[in-house]
């Protein structure tokens, strides 16, 4: 199972690099997003078993702190959207509660169908 998650994470990285390549310099990279959110993946795939891992909340907080401008938030949104679409078995209701559980307000819903252009 770990190799399956690693393979999907690697596919997500490649997808994010393709999606993120034309973004303005200084924007958040998909590599940063994936590194920040990787500790959250087992939690949202296993319906919250074991509680929110501290590294997950740390990653969410650091990503939120890094995404200060609209282009940065839109870039992060596109990366999260691509990552979410590449991983099966995600509980999106739980996923969208995670930022609040970590004391962060997310400017967008996490979903493969999120319109990241509307993120301000």
PDB file of N, CA and C in Angstrom:
ATOM      1  N   UNK A   1       0.834  -1.197   0.000  1.00  0.00           N
ATOM      2  CA  UNK A   1       0.000   0.000   0.000  1.00  0.00           C
ATOM      3  C   UNK A   1       0.869   1.247   0.000  1.00  0.00           C
ATOM      4  N   UNK A   2       1.984   1.210   0.733  1.00  0.00           N
ATOM      5  CA  UNK A   2       2.858   2.388   0.796  1.00  0.00           C
ATOM      6  C   UNK A   2       3.411   2.713  -0.581  1.00  0.00           C
ATOM      7  N   UNK A   3       3.730   1.668  -1.377  1.00  0.00           N
ATOM      8  CA  UNK A   3       4.259   1.928  -2.708  1.00  0.00           C
ATOM      9  C   UNK A   3       3.187   2.530  -3.610  1.00  0.00           C
ATOM     10  N   UNK A   4       1.936   2.167  -3.410  1.00  0.00           N
ATOM     11  CA  UNK A   4       0.846   2.741  -4.183  1.00  0.00           C
ATOM     12  C   UNK A   4       0.700   4.224  -3.876  1.00  0.00           C
ATOM     13  N   UNK A   5       0.770   4.580  -2.590  1.00  0.00           N
ATOM     14  CA  UNK A   5       0.683   5.985  -2.194  1.00  0.00           C
ATOM     15  C   UNK A   5       1.872   6.747  -2.750  1.00  0.00           C
ATOM     16  N   UNK A   6       3.059   6.150  -2.683  1.00  0.00           N
ATOM     17  CA  UNK A   6       4.262   6.810  -3.200  1.00  0.00           C
ATOM     18  C   UNK A   6       4.145   7.026  -4.707  1.00  0.00           C
ATOM     19  N   UNK A   7       3.643   6.034  -5.425  1.00  0.00           N
ATOM     20  CA  UNK A   7       3.475   6.167  -6.864  1.00  0.00           C
ATOM     21  C   UNK A   7       2.478   7.274  -7.195  1.00  0.00           C
ATOM     22  N   UNK A   8       1.374   7.313  -6.477  1.00  0.00           N
ATOM     23  CA  UNK A   8       0.374   8.351  -6.720  1.00  0.00           C
ATOM     24  C   UNK A   8       0.925   9.719  -6.357  1.00  0.00           C
ATOM     25  N   UNK A   9       1.715   9.778  -5.292  1.00  0.00           N
ATOM     26  CA  UNK A   9       2.333  11.040  -4.904  1.00  0.00           C
ATOM     27  C   UNK A   9       3.304  11.493  -5.981  1.00  0.00           C
ATOM     28  N   UNK A  10       4.071  10.567  -6.537  1.00  0.00           N
ATOM     29  CA  UNK A  10       5.003  10.913  -7.611  1.00  0.00           C
ATOM     30  C   UNK A  10       4.242  11.389  -8.848  1.00  0.00           C
ATOM     31  N   UNK A  11       3.152  10.732  -9.172  1.00  0.00           N
ATOM     32  CA  UNK A  11       2.325  11.176 -10.307  1.00  0.00           C
ATOM     33  C   UNK A  11       1.765  12.563 -10.033  1.00  0.00           C
ATOM     34  N   UNK A  12       1.367  12.797  -8.797  1.00  0.00           N
ATOM     35  CA  UNK A  12       0.860  14.119  -8.424  1.00  0.00           C
ATOM     36  C   UNK A  12       1.925  15.184  -8.584  1.00  0.00           C
ATOM     37  N   UNK A  13       3.167  14.848  -8.225  1.00  0.00           N
ATOM     38  CA  UNK A  13       4.266  15.804  -8.373  1.00  0.00           C
ATOM     39  C   UNK A  13       4.451  16.166  -9.839  1.00  0.00           C
ATOM     40  N   UNK A  14       4.481  15.141 -10.699  1.00  0.00           N
ATOM     41  CA  UNK A  14       4.663  15.392 -12.131  1.00  0.00           C
ATOM     42  C   UNK A  14       3.503  16.229 -12.665  1.00  0.00           C
ATOM     43  N   UNK A  15       2.288  15.876 -12.297  1.00  0.00           N
ATOM     44  CA  UNK A  15       1.122  16.619 -12.750  1.00  0.00           C
ATOM     45  C   UNK A  15       1.186  18.071 -12.282  1.00  0.00           C
ATOM     46  N   UNK A  16       1.574  18.246 -11.028  1.00  0.00           N
ATOM     47  CA  UNK A  16       1.674  19.603 -10.483  1.00  0.00           C
ATOM     48  C   UNK A  16       2.752  20.409 -11.192  1.00  0.00           C
ATOM     49  N   UNK A  17       3.851  19.758 -11.545  1.00  0.00           N
ATOM     50  CA  UNK A  17       4.907  20.474 -12.263  1.00  0.00           C
ATOM     51  C   UNK A  17       4.420  20.926 -13.627  1.00  0.00           C
ATOM     52  N   UNK A  18       3.647  20.082 -14.286  1.00  0.00           N
ATOM     53  CA  UNK A  18       3.105  20.451 -15.594  1.00  0.00           C
ATOM     54  C   UNK A  18       2.098  21.590 -15.450  1.00  0.00           C
ATOM     55  N   UNK A  19       1.210  21.482 -14.468  1.00  0.00           N
ATOM     56  CA  UNK A  19       0.195  22.512 -14.248  1.00  0.00           C
ATOM     57  C   UNK A  19       0.844  23.809 -13.769  1.00  0.00           C
ATOM     58  N   UNK A  20       1.838  23.691 -12.893  1.00  0.00           N
ATOM     59  CA  UNK A  20       2.429  24.865 -12.279  1.00  0.00           C
ATOM     60  C   UNK A  20       3.523  25.527 -13.082  1.00  0.00           C
ATOM     61  N   UNK A  21       4.029  24.889 -14.121  1.00  0.00           N
ATOM     62  CA  UNK A  21       5.150  25.431 -14.874  1.00  0.00           C
ATOM     63  C   UNK A  21       4.913  26.842 -15.398  1.00  0.00           C
ATOM     64  N   UNK A  22       3.743  27.155 -15.956  1.00  0.00           N
ATOM     65  CA  UNK A  22       3.572  28.492 -16.503  1.00  0.00           C
ATOM     66  C   UNK A  22       3.271  29.576 -15.467  1.00  0.00           C
ATOM     67  N   UNK A  23       3.198  29.209 -14.190  1.00  0.00           N
ATOM     68  CA  UNK A  23       2.855  30.192 -13.168  1.00  0.00           C
ATOM     69  C   UNK A  23       3.989  31.181 -12.959  1.00  0.00           C
ATOM     70  N   UNK A  24       3.637  32.340 -12.469  1.00  0.00           N
ATOM     71  CA  UNK A  24       4.618  33.399 -12.255  1.00  0.00           C
ATOM     72  C   UNK A  24       5.687  32.965 -11.260  1.00  0.00           C
ATOM     73  N   UNK A  25       6.891  33.493 -11.459  1.00  0.00           N
ATOM     74  CA  UNK A  25       7.973  33.194 -10.539  1.00  0.00           C
ATOM     75  C   UNK A  25       7.618  33.721  -9.158  1.00  0.00           C
ATOM     76  N   UNK A  26       8.017  32.996  -8.150  1.00  0.00           N
ATOM     77  CA  UNK A  26       7.692  33.389  -6.792  1.00  0.00           C
ATOM     78  C   UNK A  26       6.423  32.718  -6.294  1.00  0.00           C
ATOM     79  N   UNK A  27       5.690  32.081  -7.190  1.00  0.00           N
ATOM     80  CA  UNK A  27       4.479  31.379  -6.788  1.00  0.00           C
ATOM     81  C   UNK A  27       4.875  30.124  -6.024  1.00  0.00           C
ATOM     82  N   UNK A  28       3.967  29.625  -5.249  1.00  0.00           N
ATOM     83  CA  UNK A  28       4.190  28.398  -4.500  1.00  0.00           C
ATOM     84  C   UNK A  28       4.301  27.243  -5.482  1.00  0.00           C
ATOM     85  N   UNK A  29       5.293  26.394  -5.274  1.00  0.00           N
ATOM     86  CA  UNK A  29       5.478  25.252  -6.165  1.00  0.00           C
ATOM     87  C   UNK A  29       4.624  24.074  -5.702  1.00  0.00           C
ATOM     88  N   UNK A  30       4.311  23.199  -6.633  1.00  0.00           N
ATOM     89  CA  UNK A  30       3.560  22.001  -6.270  1.00  0.00           C
ATOM     90  C   UNK A  30       4.399  21.100  -5.373  1.00  0.00           C
ATOM     91  N   UNK A  31       5.704  21.155  -5.527  1.00  0.00           N
ATOM     92  CA  UNK A  31       6.569  20.393  -4.637  1.00  0.00           C
ATOM     93  C   UNK A  31       6.397  20.826  -3.191  1.00  0.00           C
ATOM     94  N   UNK A  32       6.297  22.149  -2.978  1.00  0.00           N
ATOM     95  CA  UNK A  32       6.064  22.665  -1.624  1.00  0.00           C
ATOM     96  C   UNK A  32       4.714  22.190  -1.089  1.00  0.00           C
ATOM     97  N   UNK A  33       3.703  22.251  -1.933  1.00  0.00           N
ATOM     98  CA  UNK A  33       2.350  21.847  -1.528  1.00  0.00           C
ATOM     99  C   UNK A  33       2.333  20.366  -1.158  1.00  0.00           C
ATOM    100  N   UNK A  34       2.928  19.552  -1.986  1.00  0.00           N
ATOM    101  CA  UNK A  34       2.937  18.107  -1.740  1.00  0.00           C
ATOM    102  C   UNK A  34       3.698  17.786  -0.465  1.00  0.00           C
ATOM    103  N   UNK A  35       4.854  18.420  -0.291  1.00  0.00           N
ATOM    104  CA  UNK A  35       5.630  18.186   0.936  1.00  0.00           C
ATOM    105  C   UNK A  35       4.836  18.583   2.178  1.00  0.00           C
ATOM    106  N   UNK A  36       4.133  19.701   2.076  1.00  0.00           N
ATOM    107  CA  UNK A  36       3.366  20.192   3.223  1.00  0.00           C
ATOM    108  C   UNK A  36       2.187  19.278   3.553  1.00  0.00           C
ATOM    109  N   UNK A  37       1.538  18.758   2.519  1.00  0.00           N
ATOM    110  CA  UNK A  37       0.298  18.002   2.740  1.00  0.00           C
ATOM    111  C   UNK A  37       0.465  16.487   2.785  1.00  0.00           C
ATOM    112  N   UNK A  38       1.620  15.970   2.425  1.00  0.00           N
ATOM    113  CA  UNK A  38       1.836  14.518   2.419  1.00  0.00           C
ATOM    114  C   UNK A  38       1.486  13.859   3.755  1.00  0.00           C
ATOM    115  N   UNK A  39       1.820  14.478   4.908  1.00  0.00           N
ATOM    116  CA  UNK A  39       1.461  13.827   6.180  1.00  0.00           C
ATOM    117  C   UNK A  39      -0.046  13.723   6.420  1.00  0.00           C
ATOM    118  N   UNK A  40      -0.843  14.446   5.638  1.00  0.00           N
ATOM    119  CA  UNK A  40      -2.301  14.423   5.811  1.00  0.00           C
ATOM    120  C   UNK A  40      -2.965  13.288   5.035  1.00  0.00           C
ATOM    121  N   UNK A  41      -2.285  12.757   4.037  1.00  0.00           N
ATOM    122  CA  UNK A  41      -2.909  11.793   3.127  1.00  0.00           C
ATOM    123  C   UNK A  41      -3.430  10.550   3.845  1.00  0.00           C
ATOM    124  N   UNK A  42      -2.641   9.902   4.691  1.00  0.00           N
ATOM    125  CA  UNK A  42      -3.191   8.711   5.370  1.00  0.00           C
ATOM    126  C   UNK A  42      -4.425   9.034   6.223  1.00  0.00           C
ATOM    127  N   UNK A  43      -4.417  10.185   6.849  1.00  0.00           N
ATOM    128  CA  UNK A  43      -5.541  10.596   7.695  1.00  0.00           C
ATOM    129  C   UNK A  43      -6.833  10.716   6.886  1.00  0.00           C
ATOM    130  N   UNK A  44      -6.778  11.371   5.731  1.00  0.00           N
ATOM    131  CA  UNK A  44      -8.000  11.586   4.949  1.00  0.00           C
ATOM    132  C   UNK A  44      -8.397  10.356   4.138  1.00  0.00           C
ATOM    133  N   UNK A  45      -7.487   9.423   3.947  1.00  0.00           N
ATOM    134  CA  UNK A  45      -7.823   8.169   3.261  1.00  0.00           C
ATOM    135  C   UNK A  45      -8.385   7.144   4.230  1.00  0.00           C
ATOM    136  N   UNK A  46      -8.084   7.289   5.517  1.00  0.00           N
ATOM    137  CA  UNK A  46      -8.541   6.329   6.524  1.00  0.00           C
ATOM    138  C   UNK A  46      -9.631   6.908   7.411  1.00  0.00           C
ATOM    139  N   UNK A  47     -10.392   7.871   6.876  1.00  0.00           N
ATOM    140  CA  UNK A  47     -11.533   8.468   7.570  1.00  0.00           C
ATOM    141  C   UNK A  47     -11.201   9.009   8.961  1.00  0.00           C
ATOM    142  N   UNK A  48     -10.024   9.561   9.100  1.00  0.00           N
ATOM    143  CA  UNK A  48      -9.662  10.237  10.341  1.00  0.00           C
ATOM    144  C   UNK A  48      -9.157   9.337  11.440  1.00  0.00           C
ATOM    145  N   UNK A  49      -8.876   8.089  11.103  1.00  0.00           N
ATOM    146  CA  UNK A  49      -8.393   7.158  12.129  1.00  0.00           C
ATOM    147  C   UNK A  49      -7.079   7.675  12.723  1.00  0.00           C
ATOM    148  N   UNK A  50      -7.009   7.657  14.041  1.00  0.00           N
ATOM    149  CA  UNK A  50      -5.781   8.035  14.720  1.00  0.00           C
ATOM    150  C   UNK A  50      -5.630   9.519  15.014  1.00  0.00           C
ATOM    151  N   UNK A  51      -6.575  10.330  14.609  1.00  0.00           N
ATOM    152  CA  UNK A  51      -6.478  11.766  14.858  1.00  0.00           C
ATOM    153  C   UNK A  51      -5.577  12.463  13.856  1.00  0.00           C
ATOM    154  N   UNK A  52      -5.660  13.778  13.829  1.00  0.00           N
ATOM    155  CA  UNK A  52      -4.880  14.569  12.873  1.00  0.00           C
ATOM    156  C   UNK A  52      -3.410  14.544  13.295  1.00  0.00           C
ATOM    157  N   UNK A  53      -2.527  14.074  12.413  1.00  0.00           N
ATOM    158  CA  UNK A  53      -1.109  14.062  12.756  1.00  0.00           C
ATOM    159  C   UNK A  53      -0.561  15.494  12.884  1.00  0.00           C
ATOM    160  N   UNK A  54       0.284  15.720  13.874  1.00  0.00           N
ATOM    161  CA  UNK A  54       0.879  17.049  14.062  1.00  0.00           C
ATOM    162  C   UNK A  54       1.604  17.529  12.800  1.00  0.00           C
ATOM    163  N   UNK A  55       2.353  16.669  12.094  1.00  0.00           N
ATOM    164  CA  UNK A  55       3.018  17.148  10.869  1.00  0.00           C
ATOM    165  C   UNK A  55       2.027  17.610   9.790  1.00  0.00           C
ATOM    166  N   UNK A  56       0.822  17.040   9.796  1.00  0.00           N
ATOM    167  CA  UNK A  56      -0.218  17.468   8.863  1.00  0.00           C
ATOM    168  C   UNK A  56      -0.611  18.912   9.161  1.00  0.00           C
ATOM    169  N   UNK A  57      -0.932  19.200  10.412  1.00  0.00           N
ATOM    170  CA  UNK A  57      -1.306  20.573  10.787  1.00  0.00           C
ATOM    171  C   UNK A  57      -0.151  21.542  10.564  1.00  0.00           C
ATOM    172  N   UNK A  58       1.066  21.109  10.855  1.00  0.00           N
ATOM    173  CA  UNK A  58       2.224  21.975  10.609  1.00  0.00           C
ATOM    174  C   UNK A  58       2.327  22.318   9.129  1.00  0.00           C
ATOM    175  N   UNK A  59       2.092  21.335   8.270  1.00  0.00           N
ATOM    176  CA  UNK A  59       2.144  21.558   6.828  1.00  0.00           C
ATOM    177  C   UNK A  59       1.040  22.492   6.357  1.00  0.00           C
ATOM    178  N   UNK A  60      -0.156  22.313   6.870  1.00  0.00           N
ATOM    179  CA  UNK A  60      -1.284  23.173   6.508  1.00  0.00           C
ATOM    180  C   UNK A  60      -0.996  24.612   6.932  1.00  0.00           C
ATOM    181  N   UNK A  61      -0.484  24.775   8.144  1.00  0.00           N
ATOM    182  CA  UNK A  61      -0.166  26.127   8.632  1.00  0.00           C
ATOM    183  C   UNK A  61       0.954  26.774   7.813  1.00  0.00           C
ATOM    184  N   UNK A  62       1.977  26.010   7.468  1.00  0.00           N
ATOM    185  CA  UNK A  62       3.083  26.588   6.698  1.00  0.00           C
ATOM    186  C   UNK A  62       2.630  26.942   5.287  1.00  0.00           C
ATOM    187  N   UNK A  63       1.780  26.117   4.699  1.00  0.00           N
ATOM    188  CA  UNK A  63       1.256  26.413   3.370  1.00  0.00           C
ATOM    189  C   UNK A  63       0.388  27.663   3.406  1.00  0.00           C
ATOM    190  N   UNK A  64      -0.436  27.783   4.424  1.00  0.00           N
ATOM    191  CA  UNK A  64      -1.282  28.963   4.571  1.00  0.00           C
ATOM    192  C   UNK A  64      -0.427  30.226   4.736  1.00  0.00           C
ATOM    193  N   UNK A  65       0.632  30.126   5.507  1.00  0.00           N
ATOM    194  CA  UNK A  65       1.516  31.279   5.718  1.00  0.00           C
ATOM    195  C   UNK A  65       2.244  31.665   4.436  1.00  0.00           C
ATOM    196  N   UNK A  66       2.566  30.681   3.604  1.00  0.00           N
ATOM    197  CA  UNK A  66       3.300  30.948   2.365  1.00  0.00           C
ATOM    198  C   UNK A  66       2.409  31.542   1.271  1.00  0.00           C
ATOM    199  N   UNK A  67       1.121  31.235   1.311  1.00  0.00           N
ATOM    200  CA  UNK A  67       0.186  31.670   0.258  1.00  0.00           C
ATOM    201  C   UNK A  67      -0.493  32.967   0.671  1.00  0.00           C
ATOM    202  N   UNK A  68       0.195  34.085   0.541  1.00  0.00           N
ATOM    203  CA  UNK A  68      -0.331  35.368   0.982  1.00  0.00           C
ATOM    204  C   UNK A  68      -1.040  36.154  -0.111  1.00  0.00           C
ATOM    205  N   UNK A  69      -0.608  36.002  -1.347  1.00  0.00           N
ATOM    206  CA  UNK A  69      -1.202  36.775  -2.441  1.00  0.00           C
ATOM    207  C   UNK A  69      -2.215  35.920  -3.207  1.00  0.00           C
ATOM    208  N   UNK A  70      -3.047  36.573  -4.002  1.00  0.00           N
ATOM    209  CA  UNK A  70      -4.016  35.839  -4.825  1.00  0.00           C
ATOM    210  C   UNK A  70      -3.321  34.854  -5.761  1.00  0.00           C
ATOM    211  N   UNK A  71      -2.256  35.262  -6.491  1.00  0.00           N
ATOM    212  CA  UNK A  71      -1.593  34.274  -7.360  1.00  0.00           C
ATOM    213  C   UNK A  71      -1.021  33.084  -6.584  1.00  0.00           C
ATOM    214  N   UNK A  72      -0.504  33.329  -5.392  1.00  0.00           N
ATOM    215  CA  UNK A  72       0.023  32.226  -4.585  1.00  0.00           C
ATOM    216  C   UNK A  72      -1.090  31.296  -4.132  1.00  0.00           C
ATOM    217  N   UNK A  73      -2.220  31.856  -3.719  1.00  0.00           N
ATOM    218  CA  UNK A  73      -3.350  31.018  -3.294  1.00  0.00           C
ATOM    219  C   UNK A  73      -3.911  30.232  -4.480  1.00  0.00           C
ATOM    220  N   UNK A  74      -3.977  30.852  -5.653  1.00  0.00           N
ATOM    221  CA  UNK A  74      -4.467  30.147  -6.842  1.00  0.00           C
ATOM    222  C   UNK A  74      -3.498  29.042  -7.250  1.00  0.00           C
ATOM    223  N   UNK A  75      -2.207  29.312  -7.140  1.00  0.00           N
ATOM    224  CA  UNK A  75      -1.199  28.299  -7.446  1.00  0.00           C
ATOM    225  C   UNK A  75      -1.330  27.124  -6.493  1.00  0.00           C
ATOM    226  N   UNK A  76      -1.435  27.416  -5.192  1.00  0.00           N
ATOM    227  CA  UNK A  76      -1.608  26.356  -4.193  1.00  0.00           C
ATOM    228  C   UNK A  76      -2.883  25.571  -4.466  1.00  0.00           C
ATOM    229  N   UNK A  77      -3.956  26.263  -4.812  1.00  0.00           N
ATOM    230  CA  UNK A  77      -5.232  25.619  -5.115  1.00  0.00           C
ATOM    231  C   UNK A  77      -5.077  24.637  -6.278  1.00  0.00           C
ATOM    232  N   UNK A  78      -4.420  25.066  -7.349  1.00  0.00           N
ATOM    233  CA  UNK A  78      -4.222  24.183  -8.505  1.00  0.00           C
ATOM    234  C   UNK A  78      -3.414  22.944  -8.134  1.00  0.00           C
ATOM    235  N   UNK A  79      -2.408  23.123  -7.302  1.00  0.00           N
ATOM    236  CA  UNK A  79      -1.592  21.984  -6.867  1.00  0.00           C
ATOM    237  C   UNK A  79      -2.394  21.034  -5.987  1.00  0.00           C
ATOM    238  N   UNK A  80      -3.147  21.585  -5.042  1.00  0.00           N
ATOM    239  CA  UNK A  80      -3.970  20.757  -4.155  1.00  0.00           C
ATOM    240  C   UNK A  80      -5.026  20.019  -4.966  1.00  0.00           C
ATOM    241  N   UNK A  81      -5.629  20.712  -5.908  1.00  0.00           N
ATOM    242  CA  UNK A  81      -6.660  20.116  -6.767  1.00  0.00           C
ATOM    243  C   UNK A  81      -6.081  18.932  -7.550  1.00  0.00           C
ATOM    244  N   UNK A  82      -4.901  19.125  -8.144  1.00  0.00           N
ATOM    245  CA  UNK A  82      -4.260  18.052  -8.908  1.00  0.00           C
ATOM    246  C   UNK A  82      -3.863  16.893  -7.999  1.00  0.00           C
ATOM    247  N   UNK A  83      -3.337  17.205  -6.832  1.00  0.00           N
ATOM    248  CA  UNK A  83      -2.951  16.158  -5.888  1.00  0.00           C
ATOM    249  C   UNK A  83      -4.173  15.362  -5.450  1.00  0.00           C
ATOM    250  N   UNK A  84      -5.243  16.051  -5.104  1.00  0.00           N
ATOM    251  CA  UNK A  84      -6.462  15.375  -4.658  1.00  0.00           C
ATOM    252  C   UNK A  84      -7.016  14.458  -5.747  1.00  0.00           C
ATOM    253  N   UNK A  85      -6.960  14.921  -6.986  1.00  0.00           N
ATOM    254  CA  UNK A  85      -7.488  14.119  -8.093  1.00  0.00           C
ATOM    255  C   UNK A  85      -6.644  12.871  -8.347  1.00  0.00           C
ATOM    256  N   UNK A  86      -5.376  12.915  -7.948  1.00  0.00           N
ATOM    257  CA  UNK A  86      -4.479  11.792  -8.228  1.00  0.00           C
ATOM    258  C   UNK A  86      -4.516  10.700  -7.153  1.00  0.00           C
ATOM    259  N   UNK A  87      -5.223  10.938  -6.059  1.00  0.00           N
ATOM    260  CA  UNK A  87      -5.240   9.980  -4.954  1.00  0.00           C
ATOM    261  C   UNK A  87      -6.658   9.459  -4.746  1.00  0.00           C
ATOM    262  N   UNK A  88      -6.797   8.144  -4.806  1.00  0.00           N
ATOM    263  CA  UNK A  88      -8.127   7.557  -4.612  1.00  0.00           C
ATOM    264  C   UNK A  88      -8.415   7.386  -3.129  1.00  0.00           C
ATOM    265  N   UNK A  89      -9.698   7.341  -2.816  1.00  0.00           N
ATOM    266  CA  UNK A  89     -10.124   7.037  -1.457  1.00  0.00           C
ATOM    267  C   UNK A  89     -10.100   8.197  -0.486  1.00  0.00           C
ATOM    268  N   UNK A  90     -10.011   9.419  -0.995  1.00  0.00           N
ATOM    269  CA  UNK A  90      -9.981  10.579  -0.098  1.00  0.00           C
ATOM    270  C   UNK A  90     -11.398  10.895   0.382  1.00  0.00           C
ATOM    271  N   UNK A  91     -11.531  11.124   1.662  1.00  0.00           N
ATOM    272  CA  UNK A  91     -12.789  11.568   2.248  1.00  0.00           C
ATOM    273  C   UNK A  91     -12.789  13.100   2.176  1.00  0.00           C
ATOM    274  N   UNK A  92     -13.492  13.670   1.198  1.00  0.00           N
ATOM    275  CA  UNK A  92     -13.443  15.124   0.970  1.00  0.00           C
ATOM    276  C   UNK A  92     -14.117  15.924   2.078  1.00  0.00           C
ATOM    277  N   UNK A  93     -15.141  15.363   2.708  1.00  0.00           N
ATOM    278  CA  UNK A  93     -15.750  16.073   3.842  1.00  0.00           C
ATOM    279  C   UNK A  93     -14.717  16.256   4.945  1.00  0.00           C
ATOM    280  N   UNK A  94     -14.014  15.203   5.266  1.00  0.00           N
ATOM    281  CA  UNK A  94     -12.968  15.262   6.281  1.00  0.00           C
ATOM    282  C   UNK A  94     -11.817  16.158   5.826  1.00  0.00           C
ATOM    283  N   UNK A  95     -11.447  16.044   4.569  1.00  0.00           N
ATOM    284  CA  UNK A  95     -10.352  16.847   4.009  1.00  0.00           C
ATOM    285  C   UNK A  95     -10.646  18.339   4.158  1.00  0.00           C
ATOM    286  N   UNK A  96     -11.865  18.733   3.904  1.00  0.00           N
ATOM    287  CA  UNK A  96     -12.219  20.150   3.984  1.00  0.00           C
ATOM    288  C   UNK A  96     -12.368  20.648   5.422  1.00  0.00           C
ATOM    289  N   UNK A  97     -12.451  19.738   6.378  1.00  0.00           N
ATOM    290  CA  UNK A  97     -12.483  20.125   7.790  1.00  0.00           C
ATOM    291  C   UNK A  97     -11.079  20.290   8.360  1.00  0.00           C
ATOM    292  N   UNK A  98     -10.090  19.700   7.693  1.00  0.00           N
ATOM    293  CA  UNK A  98      -8.729  19.714   8.212  1.00  0.00           C
ATOM    294  C   UNK A  98      -8.175  21.108   8.493  1.00  0.00           C
ATOM    295  N   UNK A  99      -8.273  22.058   7.565  1.00  0.00           N
ATOM    296  CA  UNK A  99      -7.713  23.383   7.882  1.00  0.00           C
ATOM    297  C   UNK A  99      -8.273  23.956   9.186  1.00  0.00           C
ATOM    298  N   UNK A 100      -9.575  23.890   9.360  1.00  0.00           N
ATOM    299  CA  UNK A 100     -10.188  24.395  10.589  1.00  0.00           C
ATOM    300  C   UNK A 100      -9.721  23.640  11.822  1.00  0.00           C
ATOM    301  N   UNK A 101      -9.536  22.327  11.689  1.00  0.00           N
ATOM    302  CA  UNK A 101      -9.051  21.519  12.805  1.00  0.00           C
ATOM    303  C   UNK A 101      -7.624  21.910  13.180  1.00  0.00           C
ATOM    304  N   UNK A 102      -6.919  22.504  12.221  1.00  0.00           N
ATOM    305  CA  UNK A 102      -5.537  22.939  12.450  1.00  0.00           C
ATOM    306  C   UNK A 102      -5.460  24.438  12.728  1.00  0.00           C
ATOM    307  N   UNK A 103      -6.616  25.097  12.890  1.00  0.00           N
ATOM    308  CA  UNK A 103      -6.642  26.513  13.221  1.00  0.00           C
ATOM    309  C   UNK A 103      -6.391  27.441  12.047  1.00  0.00           C
ATOM    310  N   UNK A 104      -6.701  26.975  10.839  1.00  0.00           N
ATOM    311  CA  UNK A 104      -6.449  27.750   9.622  1.00  0.00           C
ATOM    312  C   UNK A 104      -7.748  27.890   8.833  1.00  0.00           C
ATOM    313  N   UNK A 105      -7.957  29.062   8.230  1.00  0.00           N
ATOM    314  CA  UNK A 105      -9.082  29.253   7.309  1.00  0.00           C
ATOM    315  C   UNK A 105      -8.574  29.027   5.892  1.00  0.00           C
ATOM    316  N   UNK A 106      -9.190  28.110   5.178  1.00  0.00           N
ATOM    317  CA  UNK A 106      -8.808  27.850   3.789  1.00  0.00           C
ATOM    318  C   UNK A 106      -9.666  28.702   2.863  1.00  0.00           C
ATOM    319  N   UNK A 107      -9.038  29.381   1.891  1.00  0.00           N
ATOM    320  CA  UNK A 107      -9.805  30.217   0.968  1.00  0.00           C
ATOM    321  C   UNK A 107     -10.506  29.422  -0.141  1.00  0.00           C
ATOM    322  N   UNK A 108     -10.381  28.090  -0.123  1.00  0.00           N
ATOM    323  CA  UNK A 108     -11.041  27.274  -1.151  1.00  0.00           C
ATOM    324  C   UNK A 108     -11.354  25.889  -0.603  1.00  0.00           C
ATOM    325  N   UNK A 109     -12.349  25.250  -1.234  1.00  0.00           N
ATOM    326  CA  UNK A 109     -12.701  23.872  -0.911  1.00  0.00           C
ATOM    327  C   UNK A 109     -11.755  22.945  -1.667  1.00  0.00           C
ATOM    328  N   UNK A 110     -11.380  21.869  -1.030  1.00  0.00           N
ATOM    329  CA  UNK A 110     -10.495  20.897  -1.668  1.00  0.00           C
ATOM    330  C   UNK A 110     -11.356  19.883  -2.397  1.00  0.00           C
ATOM    331  N   UNK A 111     -11.222  19.884  -3.718  1.00  0.00           N
ATOM    332  CA  UNK A 111     -12.006  19.008  -4.571  1.00  0.00           C
ATOM    333  C   UNK A 111     -11.378  18.999  -5.957  1.00  0.00           C
ATOM    334  N   UNK A 112     -11.474  17.901  -6.683  1.00  0.00           N
ATOM    335  CA  UNK A 112     -10.966  17.887  -8.053  1.00  0.00           C
ATOM    336  C   UNK A 112     -11.720  18.849  -8.980  1.00  0.00           C
ATOM    337  N   UNK A 113     -12.881  19.339  -8.537  1.00  0.00           N
ATOM    338  CA  UNK A 113     -13.662  20.242  -9.393  1.00  0.00           C
ATOM    339  C   UNK A 113     -13.605  21.695  -8.947  1.00  0.00           C
ATOM    340  N   UNK A 114     -12.753  22.020  -7.991  1.00  0.00           N
ATOM    341  CA  UNK A 114     -12.637  23.395  -7.518  1.00  0.00           C
ATOM    342  C   UNK A 114     -12.175  24.328  -8.647  1.00  0.00           C
ATOM    343  N   UNK A 115     -12.820  25.488  -8.761  1.00  0.00           N
ATOM    344  CA  UNK A 115     -12.411  26.511  -9.735  1.00  0.00           C
ATOM    345  C   UNK A 115     -11.382  27.422  -9.071  1.00  0.00           C
ATOM    346  N   UNK A 116     -10.115  27.134  -9.292  1.00  0.00           N
ATOM    347  CA  UNK A 116      -9.051  27.882  -8.617  1.00  0.00           C
ATOM    348  C   UNK A 116      -8.923  29.320  -9.110  1.00  0.00           C
ATOM    349  N   UNK A 117      -9.459  29.613 -10.291  1.00  0.00           N
ATOM    350  CA  UNK A 117      -9.419  31.002 -10.784  1.00  0.00           C
ATOM    351  C   UNK A 117     -10.281  31.925  -9.940  1.00  0.00           C
ATOM    352  N   UNK A 118     -11.241  31.349  -9.214  1.00  0.00           N
ATOM    353  CA  UNK A 118     -12.124  32.167  -8.389  1.00  0.00           C
ATOM    354  C   UNK A 118     -11.557  32.427  -6.998  1.00  0.00           C
ATOM    355  N   UNK A 119     -10.430  31.799  -6.662  1.00  0.00           N
ATOM    356  CA  UNK A 119      -9.804  31.990  -5.351  1.00  0.00           C
ATOM    357  C   UNK A 119      -9.150  33.364  -5.313  1.00  0.00           C
ATOM    358  N   UNK A 120      -9.443  34.119  -4.260  1.00  0.00           N
ATOM    359  CA  UNK A 120      -8.880  35.476  -4.125  1.00  0.00           C
ATOM    360  C   UNK A 120      -7.868  35.562  -3.052  1.00  0.00           C
TER     361      UNK A 120
END
